Amino acid sequence: MKFLITAQDTAGNVTLNRASVPAALKKAGELISDGCWNVEIVTPDGATYNPGEFDQLRERAGPAGPDISLATQ
């Protein structure tokens, strides 16, 4: 399953994908640290999470470990 991470930087739009919630959260955090804005994570079911909602996404994924994806729940 793909988790899309979208953001904007000085060069334009950025769209990346990751296979798990922890990986998507990590990349989103890196993008924010690098100065990107409008960072969002879109889950395989189409739900969109903004930085203020990343804790909700983390809770939704559960405490299963570093590589769990929502697809395995």
C-alpha atoms as a PDB file:
ATOM      1  CA  MET A   1       0.000   0.000   0.000  1.00  0.00           C
ATOM      2  CA  LYS A   2       1.180   3.502  -0.739  1.00  0.00           C
ATOM      3  CA  PHE A   3       1.104   6.406   1.641  1.00  0.00           C
ATOM      4  CA  LEU A   4       1.533   9.623  -0.333  1.00  0.00           C
ATOM      5  CA  ILE A   5       3.401  12.524   1.203  1.00  0.00           C
ATOM      6  CA  THR A   6       2.780  15.834  -0.510  1.00  0.00           C
ATOM      7  CA  ALA A   7       4.417  19.173   0.188  1.00  0.00           C
ATOM      8  CA  GLN A   8       5.542  22.391  -1.404  1.00  0.00           C
ATOM      9  CA  ASP A   9       9.010  23.884  -1.460  1.00  0.00           C
ATOM     10  CA  THR A  10      10.691  26.721  -3.301  1.00  0.00           C
ATOM     11  CA  ALA A  11      10.985  24.542  -6.436  1.00  0.00           C
ATOM     12  CA  GLY A  12       7.299  23.586  -6.495  1.00  0.00           C
ATOM     13  CA  ASN A  13       5.238  20.561  -5.495  1.00  0.00           C
ATOM     14  CA  VAL A  14       6.773  17.440  -3.999  1.00  0.00           C
ATOM     15  CA  THR A  15       5.003  14.062  -4.004  1.00  0.00           C
ATOM     16  CA  LEU A  16       6.620  11.002  -2.474  1.00  0.00           C
ATOM     17  CA  ASN A  17       5.317   7.626  -1.424  1.00  0.00           C
ATOM     18  CA  ARG A  18       6.156   5.265   1.391  1.00  0.00           C
ATOM     19  CA  ALA A  19       4.930   1.773   2.272  1.00  0.00           C
ATOM     20  CA  SER A  20       4.153   2.282   5.962  1.00  0.00           C
ATOM     21  CA  VAL A  21       2.842   4.831   8.431  1.00  0.00           C
ATOM     22  CA  PRO A  22       6.161   5.194  10.301  1.00  0.00           C
ATOM     23  CA  ALA A  23       8.052   5.710   7.047  1.00  0.00           C
ATOM     24  CA  ALA A  24       5.502   8.293   5.859  1.00  0.00           C
ATOM     25  CA  LEU A  25       5.647  10.129   9.187  1.00  0.00           C
ATOM     26  CA  LYS A  26       9.435  10.131   9.119  1.00  0.00           C
ATOM     27  CA  LYS A  27       9.574  11.562   5.596  1.00  0.00           C
ATOM     28  CA  ALA A  28       6.909  14.166   6.381  1.00  0.00           C
ATOM     29  CA  GLY A  29       8.938  15.265   9.406  1.00  0.00           C
ATOM     30  CA  GLU A  30      12.058  15.532   7.261  1.00  0.00           C
ATOM     31  CA  LEU A  31      10.223  17.661   4.707  1.00  0.00           C
ATOM     32  CA  ILE A  32       8.966  19.981   7.438  1.00  0.00           C
ATOM     33  CA  SER A  33      12.483  20.230   8.881  1.00  0.00           C
ATOM     34  CA  ASP A  34      13.799  21.085   5.413  1.00  0.00           C
ATOM     35  CA  GLY A  35      11.416  24.059   5.227  1.00  0.00           C
ATOM     36  CA  CYS A  36       8.614  22.594   3.112  1.00  0.00           C
ATOM     37  CA  TRP A  37       5.064  23.761   3.727  1.00  0.00           C
ATOM     38  CA  ASN A  38       1.583  22.324   3.103  1.00  0.00           C
ATOM     39  CA  VAL A  39       2.898  18.898   4.117  1.00  0.00           C
ATOM     40  CA  GLU A  40       0.211  16.193   4.086  1.00  0.00           C
ATOM     41  CA  ILE A  41       0.048  12.419   4.278  1.00  0.00           C
ATOM     42  CA  VAL A  42      -2.659  10.679   2.249  1.00  0.00           C
ATOM     43  CA  THR A  43      -3.434   7.123   3.335  1.00  0.00           C
ATOM     44  CA  PRO A  44      -4.365   4.294   0.941  1.00  0.00           C
ATOM     45  CA  ASP A  45      -8.039   4.793   1.820  1.00  0.00           C
ATOM     46  CA  GLY A  46      -7.853   8.477   0.816  1.00  0.00           C
ATOM     47  CA  ALA A  47      -7.787  10.067   4.278  1.00  0.00           C
ATOM     48  CA  THR A  48      -5.598  13.177   4.460  1.00  0.00           C
ATOM     49  CA  TYR A  49      -3.569  14.139   7.520  1.00  0.00           C
ATOM     50  CA  ASN A  50      -1.944  17.521   8.116  1.00  0.00           C
ATOM     51  CA  PRO A  51       0.962  17.949  10.578  1.00  0.00           C
ATOM     52  CA  GLY A  52      -1.434  18.751  13.434  1.00  0.00           C
ATOM     53  CA  GLU A  53      -3.122  15.396  12.818  1.00  0.00           C
ATOM     54  CA  PHE A  54      -0.028  13.197  12.511  1.00  0.00           C
ATOM     55  CA  ASP A  55      -0.540  11.911  16.073  1.00  0.00           C
ATOM     56  CA  GLN A  56      -3.992  10.676  15.037  1.00  0.00           C
ATOM     57  CA  LEU A  57      -2.434   8.805  12.117  1.00  0.00           C
ATOM     58  CA  ARG A  58       0.191   7.319  14.438  1.00  0.00           C
ATOM     59  CA  GLU A  59      -2.574   6.177  16.829  1.00  0.00           C
ATOM     60  CA  ARG A  60      -4.611   4.737  13.952  1.00  0.00           C
ATOM     61  CA  ALA A  61      -1.619   2.628  12.896  1.00  0.00           C
ATOM     62  CA  GLY A  62      -1.192   1.352  16.437  1.00  0.00           C
ATOM     63  CA  PRO A  63       1.883   0.323  18.409  1.00  0.00           C
ATOM     64  CA  ALA A  64       2.787  -2.565  16.126  1.00  0.00           C
ATOM     65  CA  GLY A  65       6.323  -1.508  15.370  1.00  0.00           C
ATOM     66  CA  PRO A  66       8.456   0.467  12.971  1.00  0.00           C
ATOM     67  CA  ASP A  67       7.294  -1.033   9.672  1.00  0.00           C
ATOM     68  CA  ILE A  68       3.590  -1.694  10.111  1.00  0.00           C
ATOM     69  CA  SER A  69       1.306  -0.438   7.364  1.00  0.00           C
ATOM     70  CA  LEU A  70      -2.409   0.111   7.630  1.00  0.00           C
ATOM     71  CA  ALA A  71      -2.873  -2.646   5.069  1.00  0.00           C
ATOM     72  CA  THR A  72      -1.772  -5.301   7.555  1.00  0.00           C
ATOM     73  CA  GLN A  73      -4.303  -4.371  10.208  1.00  0.00           C
END
